[in-house]
Protein backbone atom coordinates (compact mmCIF):
# COMPACT_ATOMS: atom_id res chain seq x y z
CA MET A 1 -32.63 -7.42 -8.49
CA ILE A 2 -33.90 -6.48 -11.94
CA ILE A 3 -32.09 -3.58 -13.57
CA SER A 4 -34.60 -1.55 -15.54
CA PHE A 5 -32.58 1.65 -15.81
CA ALA A 6 -28.86 2.13 -16.42
CA GLU A 7 -27.48 5.48 -17.54
CA PHE A 8 -23.98 6.86 -17.95
CA LEU A 9 -23.58 10.03 -15.88
CA GLN A 10 -20.03 11.28 -16.22
CA SER A 11 -16.31 10.61 -16.45
CA ASN A 12 -14.00 12.48 -14.16
CA THR A 13 -10.46 12.69 -12.84
CA GLU A 14 -11.13 15.22 -10.07
CA PHE A 15 -12.61 14.09 -6.76
CA ASN A 16 -14.45 17.34 -6.07
CA LYS A 17 -16.32 17.08 -9.37
CA LEU A 18 -17.84 13.65 -8.78
CA PRO A 19 -21.66 13.30 -8.61
CA ASP A 20 -23.26 14.29 -5.32
CA PRO A 21 -23.01 11.31 -2.92
CA VAL A 22 -26.77 10.96 -2.57
CA TYR A 23 -26.96 7.24 -3.46
CA PRO A 24 -25.07 4.14 -2.30
CA GLU A 25 -22.10 3.48 -4.55
CA TYR A 26 -20.32 0.33 -5.74
CA ALA A 27 -16.96 0.55 -7.47
CA PHE A 28 -15.38 -2.02 -9.79
CA ILE A 29 -11.63 -2.22 -10.18
CA GLY A 30 -8.94 -4.65 -11.29
CA ARG A 31 -5.77 -5.03 -13.25
CA SER A 32 -5.88 -3.87 -16.84
CA ASN A 33 -7.71 -6.24 -19.20
CA VAL A 34 -9.29 -8.31 -16.41
CA GLY A 35 -12.72 -8.03 -18.05
CA LYS A 36 -14.14 -5.21 -15.97
CA SER A 37 -16.17 -3.45 -18.67
CA SER A 38 -17.58 -6.75 -19.92
CA LEU A 39 -18.65 -7.66 -16.38
CA ILE A 40 -20.37 -4.30 -15.88
CA ASN A 41 -22.25 -4.71 -19.16
CA MET A 42 -23.31 -8.22 -18.14
CA LEU A 43 -24.53 -7.12 -14.71
CA THR A 44 -26.58 -4.24 -16.11
CA GLY A 45 -27.80 -6.11 -19.16
CA ARG A 46 -26.69 -3.18 -21.34
CA LYS A 47 -24.27 -4.15 -24.07
CA GLY A 48 -21.87 -1.29 -24.63
CA LEU A 49 -22.75 0.63 -21.45
CA ALA A 50 -19.13 0.39 -20.34
CA LYS A 51 -16.73 0.54 -23.26
CA THR A 52 -14.63 -2.59 -23.78
CA SER A 53 -11.26 -2.83 -25.44
CA GLY A 54 -8.51 -5.34 -26.06
CA LYS A 55 -5.99 -2.67 -25.15
CA PRO A 56 -5.05 -2.73 -21.43
CA GLY A 57 -5.55 0.47 -19.48
CA LYS A 58 -8.30 1.97 -21.65
CA THR A 59 -10.27 3.23 -18.65
CA ILE A 60 -8.35 6.23 -17.27
CA THR A 61 -11.19 8.09 -15.57
CA ILE A 62 -13.70 7.51 -12.78
CA ASN A 63 -16.88 6.63 -14.66
CA HIS A 64 -20.25 6.91 -12.90
CA PHE A 65 -23.44 5.15 -13.95
CA LEU A 66 -26.84 5.63 -12.33
CA ILE A 67 -28.64 2.31 -11.86
CA ASN A 68 -32.42 2.07 -11.30
CA LYS A 69 -32.19 5.71 -10.22
CA ILE A 70 -31.27 4.58 -6.71
CA TRP A 71 -27.55 3.60 -6.76
CA TYR A 72 -24.28 4.37 -8.49
CA LEU A 73 -22.08 1.87 -10.28
CA VAL A 74 -18.53 3.12 -10.73
CA ASP A 75 -16.03 1.91 -13.32
CA LEU A 76 -12.57 2.71 -11.93
CA PRO A 77 -9.31 2.83 -13.87
CA GLY A 78 -7.45 -0.45 -13.99
CA TYR A 79 -4.14 -0.51 -12.16
CA GLY A 80 -0.83 -1.66 -13.53
CA PHE A 81 -0.63 0.46 -16.68
CA ALA A 82 2.41 -1.15 -18.26
CA LYS A 83 2.45 1.26 -21.21
CA ARG A 84 1.93 4.45 -19.22
CA SER A 85 4.64 6.65 -17.76
CA LYS A 86 5.58 6.50 -14.11
CA VAL A 87 4.17 10.01 -13.63
CA ALA A 88 0.85 8.99 -15.20
CA ARG A 89 0.67 5.83 -13.06
CA GLU A 90 1.32 7.82 -9.89
CA SER A 91 -1.33 10.34 -10.88
CA TRP A 92 -3.99 7.65 -11.37
CA LYS A 93 -2.92 5.94 -8.15
CA LYS A 94 -3.35 9.16 -6.19
CA MET A 95 -6.76 9.75 -7.78
CA LEU A 96 -7.95 6.22 -6.97
CA TYR A 97 -6.72 6.24 -3.40
CA THR A 98 -8.29 9.64 -2.74
CA TYR A 99 -11.59 8.40 -4.13
CA MET A 100 -11.67 5.16 -2.13
CA GLN A 101 -10.65 6.79 1.15
CA LYS A 102 -12.85 9.89 0.97
CA ARG A 103 -15.98 8.94 -0.97
CA PRO A 104 -18.60 8.86 1.84
CA ASN A 105 -21.23 6.76 0.02
CA LEU A 106 -18.87 4.02 -1.22
CA VAL A 107 -20.35 0.78 0.12
CA TYR A 108 -18.17 -1.85 -1.55
CA THR A 109 -15.24 -2.05 -3.90
CA PHE A 110 -15.46 -5.08 -6.19
CA LEU A 111 -11.92 -6.28 -6.89
CA LEU A 112 -11.74 -8.31 -10.10
CA ILE A 113 -9.27 -11.19 -10.43
CA ASP A 114 -8.71 -13.36 -13.52
CA CYS A 115 -9.53 -16.87 -12.29
CA ARG A 116 -6.91 -18.42 -14.58
CA LEU A 117 -3.96 -16.71 -12.92
CA GLU A 118 -1.97 -17.42 -9.81
CA PRO A 119 -2.07 -14.64 -7.18
CA GLN A 120 -0.27 -11.60 -8.56
CA ALA A 121 1.86 -9.35 -6.35
CA ILE A 122 0.08 -6.19 -7.54
CA ASP A 123 -3.35 -7.62 -6.57
CA LEU A 124 -2.12 -8.81 -3.18
CA GLU A 125 -0.59 -5.41 -2.50
CA PHE A 126 -3.84 -3.68 -3.39
CA MET A 127 -5.87 -6.03 -1.17
CA GLY A 128 -3.48 -5.29 1.66
CA TRP A 129 -3.95 -1.56 1.17
CA LEU A 130 -7.74 -1.94 1.21
CA GLY A 131 -7.56 -3.98 4.40
CA GLU A 132 -5.19 -1.57 6.14
CA HIS A 133 -7.50 1.35 5.39
CA GLY A 134 -10.70 -0.45 6.36
CA ILE A 135 -12.23 -0.24 2.90
CA PRO A 136 -14.81 -3.04 2.43
CA PHE A 137 -14.20 -5.07 -0.69
CA VAL A 138 -15.45 -8.13 -2.52
CA ILE A 139 -13.37 -10.41 -4.75
CA VAL A 140 -14.87 -11.30 -8.12
CA PHE A 141 -13.07 -14.02 -10.06
CA THR A 142 -13.68 -13.19 -13.72
CA LYS A 143 -13.62 -15.24 -16.95
CA GLY A 144 -15.07 -18.32 -15.27
CA ASP A 145 -16.12 -19.68 -18.64
CA LYS A 146 -12.47 -20.08 -19.66
CA LEU A 147 -11.96 -23.08 -17.35
CA GLY A 148 -13.78 -26.38 -16.95
CA LYS A 149 -16.00 -26.69 -13.86
CA VAL A 150 -13.60 -28.88 -11.89
CA ARG A 151 -10.55 -26.83 -12.81
CA LEU A 152 -12.40 -23.60 -12.00
CA VAL A 153 -13.27 -24.74 -8.49
CA GLU A 154 -9.74 -26.02 -7.91
CA GLN A 155 -8.18 -22.78 -9.12
CA VAL A 156 -10.39 -20.54 -6.99
CA GLU A 157 -9.95 -22.69 -3.89
CA ALA A 158 -6.17 -22.71 -4.34
CA TYR A 159 -6.25 -18.91 -4.64
CA LYS A 160 -8.28 -18.61 -1.43
CA GLN A 161 -5.95 -20.93 0.44
CA GLN A 162 -2.96 -18.84 -0.56
CA LEU A 163 -4.75 -15.68 0.59
CA LEU A 164 -5.48 -17.29 3.95
CA GLN A 165 -1.75 -17.47 4.54
CA GLN A 166 -1.86 -13.68 4.91
CA TRP A 167 -5.48 -13.04 5.91
CA GLU A 168 -7.31 -14.34 8.98
CA GLU A 169 -10.61 -14.14 7.15
CA LEU A 170 -11.45 -13.72 3.48
CA PRO A 171 -13.93 -11.21 2.05
CA VAL A 172 -16.98 -12.40 0.12
CA CYS A 173 -15.94 -14.03 -3.15
CA PHE A 174 -17.87 -14.59 -6.38
CA ILE A 175 -17.08 -16.42 -9.60
CA SER A 176 -18.30 -14.65 -12.72
CA SER A 177 -18.40 -14.81 -16.49
CA ALA A 178 -19.54 -12.08 -18.84
CA VAL A 179 -20.19 -14.77 -21.46
CA ASN A 180 -22.79 -16.87 -19.62
CA ALA A 181 -23.83 -14.45 -16.84
CA MET A 182 -22.29 -16.60 -14.13
CA GLY A 183 -22.40 -14.75 -10.81
CA LYS A 184 -24.82 -12.07 -11.98
CA GLU A 185 -27.66 -12.99 -9.64
CA GLU A 186 -25.35 -13.39 -6.64
CA ILE A 187 -23.56 -10.06 -7.16
CA LEU A 188 -26.77 -8.10 -7.73
CA SER A 189 -28.36 -9.78 -4.72
CA LEU A 190 -25.50 -8.56 -2.52
CA ILE A 191 -25.89 -5.03 -3.88
CA ASP A 192 -29.65 -5.14 -3.39
CA GLY A 193 -29.25 -6.16 0.24
CA GLU A 194 -26.70 -3.45 0.89
CA ASN A 195 -28.99 -0.88 -0.73
CA GLN A 196 -31.72 -1.82 1.73
CA ASN A 197 -29.31 -1.48 4.65
CA TYR A 198 -28.08 1.86 3.32
CA LYS A 199 -31.63 3.14 2.97
CA ALA A 200 -32.52 2.03 6.50
CA TYR A 201 -29.37 3.60 7.94
CA SER A 202 -29.96 6.88 6.08
CA SER A 203 -33.53 7.02 7.35
CA SER A 204 -32.41 6.48 10.94
CA ILE A 205 -29.90 9.33 10.64
CA ILE A 206 -32.53 11.70 9.25
CA ASN A 207 -35.06 10.77 11.92
């Protein structure tokens, strides 16, 4: 897929004010400072489309982008806001869970994981919640450029093996890097294929 158009639409904290669900939608989420904004900018080829920051928890709204005028890319708030109050964390959690459970055009949630880290309890808990609620998700291991090739493969495989202790089958997994565009083609290819399926399904419903 070649992205020729990428435009910021809106930021919101209220579910009923989100853009009309007329296009297939792909949401990106992960723990604070996992490299989400950098990954979005890499995928779209638009430096600065999603704002990056060294301060964890900068994204506190649901941010919609229109891509190629045929699908939505959504930048979701990171979870695990260490410097935010318990009330604020619960508010964002409620907003996120409402969005992921009720957004009718949400095709996939891309869950970002720092490839350098061992499985974190907060990520495992979130994966479990997604699985329990039947929300399709993809794992994207970020910052792949930070490890050597052999170490990167070993780290990701070890992570998968630990997940298989709790899961019968793993979701699709990608390894990415915003620095060298690792994983870009594979991720966009998945989205392109799902867009075609979505279009075909929508046409069958209308007809």
